Amino acid sequence: MGNLHMGNTRSVHLSVRLPNDVASEAEEAQRTDPDFLSRVIQYGLTRRSIYRRLREEESRGPEPISGDSVTGFVQP
């Protein structure tokens, strides 16, 4: 997935519909700490990406173990 603090970044403009109280909190956070919402979204998307990757691996099942790679003995 890579380092989240890489220099390879770009801006994305989002428009979301939020409940009024949450929207007010988001606007306040944007005024007082402009990087906060960026970090929150980055955190959420990173979690989503990890979850999606784990689900894909889970649906593929465990990787087969070849012969002597684990125990030192060839499996029958």
Protein backbone atom coordinates (compact mmCIF):
# COMPACT_ATOMS: atom_id res chain seq x y z
CA MET A 1 0.00 0.00 0.00
CA GLY A 2 2.92 2.31 0.55
CA ASN A 3 3.75 5.12 2.88
CA LEU A 4 0.93 7.61 3.45
CA HIS A 5 3.37 10.51 3.76
CA MET A 6 4.87 10.11 0.32
CA GLY A 7 5.53 13.14 -1.84
CA ASN A 8 3.43 11.58 -4.57
CA THR A 9 0.05 13.15 -3.72
CA ARG A 10 -2.73 15.06 -5.43
CA SER A 11 -5.79 16.99 -4.35
CA VAL A 12 -9.25 15.53 -4.64
CA HIS A 13 -12.31 17.69 -4.21
CA LEU A 14 -15.21 15.92 -2.55
CA SER A 15 -18.79 16.90 -2.03
CA VAL A 16 -20.66 14.91 0.59
CA ARG A 17 -24.09 15.16 2.16
CA LEU A 18 -23.90 14.98 5.93
CA PRO A 19 -26.42 15.41 8.73
CA ASN A 20 -26.51 19.06 9.79
CA ASP A 21 -24.73 18.53 13.10
CA VAL A 22 -21.95 16.48 11.49
CA ALA A 23 -21.65 19.02 8.65
CA SER A 24 -21.23 21.80 11.22
CA GLU A 25 -18.47 19.82 12.95
CA ALA A 26 -16.76 19.19 9.62
CA GLU A 27 -16.90 22.90 8.70
CA GLU A 28 -15.48 23.86 12.09
CA ALA A 29 -12.69 21.29 11.78
CA GLN A 30 -11.90 22.58 8.29
CA ARG A 31 -11.63 26.16 9.60
CA THR A 32 -9.55 25.37 12.68
CA ASP A 33 -7.40 22.49 11.40
CA PRO A 34 -7.47 22.22 7.60
CA ASP A 35 -5.36 19.05 7.57
CA PHE A 36 -7.64 17.24 10.02
CA LEU A 37 -10.30 16.20 7.51
CA SER A 38 -7.62 15.12 5.08
CA ARG A 39 -6.10 12.86 7.75
CA VAL A 40 -9.50 11.47 8.73
CA ILE A 41 -10.38 10.66 5.11
CA GLN A 42 -6.92 9.22 4.50
CA TYR A 43 -7.29 7.02 7.58
CA GLY A 44 -10.75 5.85 6.56
CA LEU A 45 -9.74 5.07 2.98
CA THR A 46 -6.62 3.24 4.18
CA ARG A 47 -8.75 1.07 6.49
CA ARG A 48 -11.16 0.41 3.64
CA SER A 49 -8.32 -0.57 1.33
CA ILE A 50 -6.84 -2.94 3.92
CA TYR A 51 -10.25 -4.48 4.65
CA ARG A 52 -10.93 -4.95 0.93
CA ARG A 53 -7.54 -6.60 0.39
CA LEU A 54 -8.04 -8.93 3.36
CA ARG A 55 -11.51 -9.90 2.09
CA GLU A 56 -10.07 -10.67 -1.36
CA GLU A 57 -7.37 -12.86 0.19
CA GLU A 58 -9.96 -14.58 2.39
CA SER A 59 -12.17 -15.36 -0.61
CA ARG A 60 -9.22 -16.93 -2.45
CA GLY A 61 -8.57 -19.24 0.49
CA PRO A 62 -5.24 -20.15 2.03
CA GLU A 63 -2.22 -20.38 -0.21
CA PRO A 64 -1.13 -23.95 -0.78
CA ILE A 65 1.90 -25.09 1.20
CA SER A 66 4.49 -26.69 -0.99
CA GLY A 67 6.26 -29.87 0.08
CA ASP A 68 9.08 -29.09 2.45
CA SER A 69 8.56 -25.35 2.83
CA VAL A 70 7.17 -25.63 6.36
CA THR A 71 8.09 -28.88 8.03
CA GLY A 72 11.11 -29.98 6.08
CA PHE A 73 9.22 -33.06 4.89
CA VAL A 74 7.37 -33.62 1.65
CA GLN A 75 3.65 -33.85 2.24
CA PRO A 76 1.87 -36.92 0.77
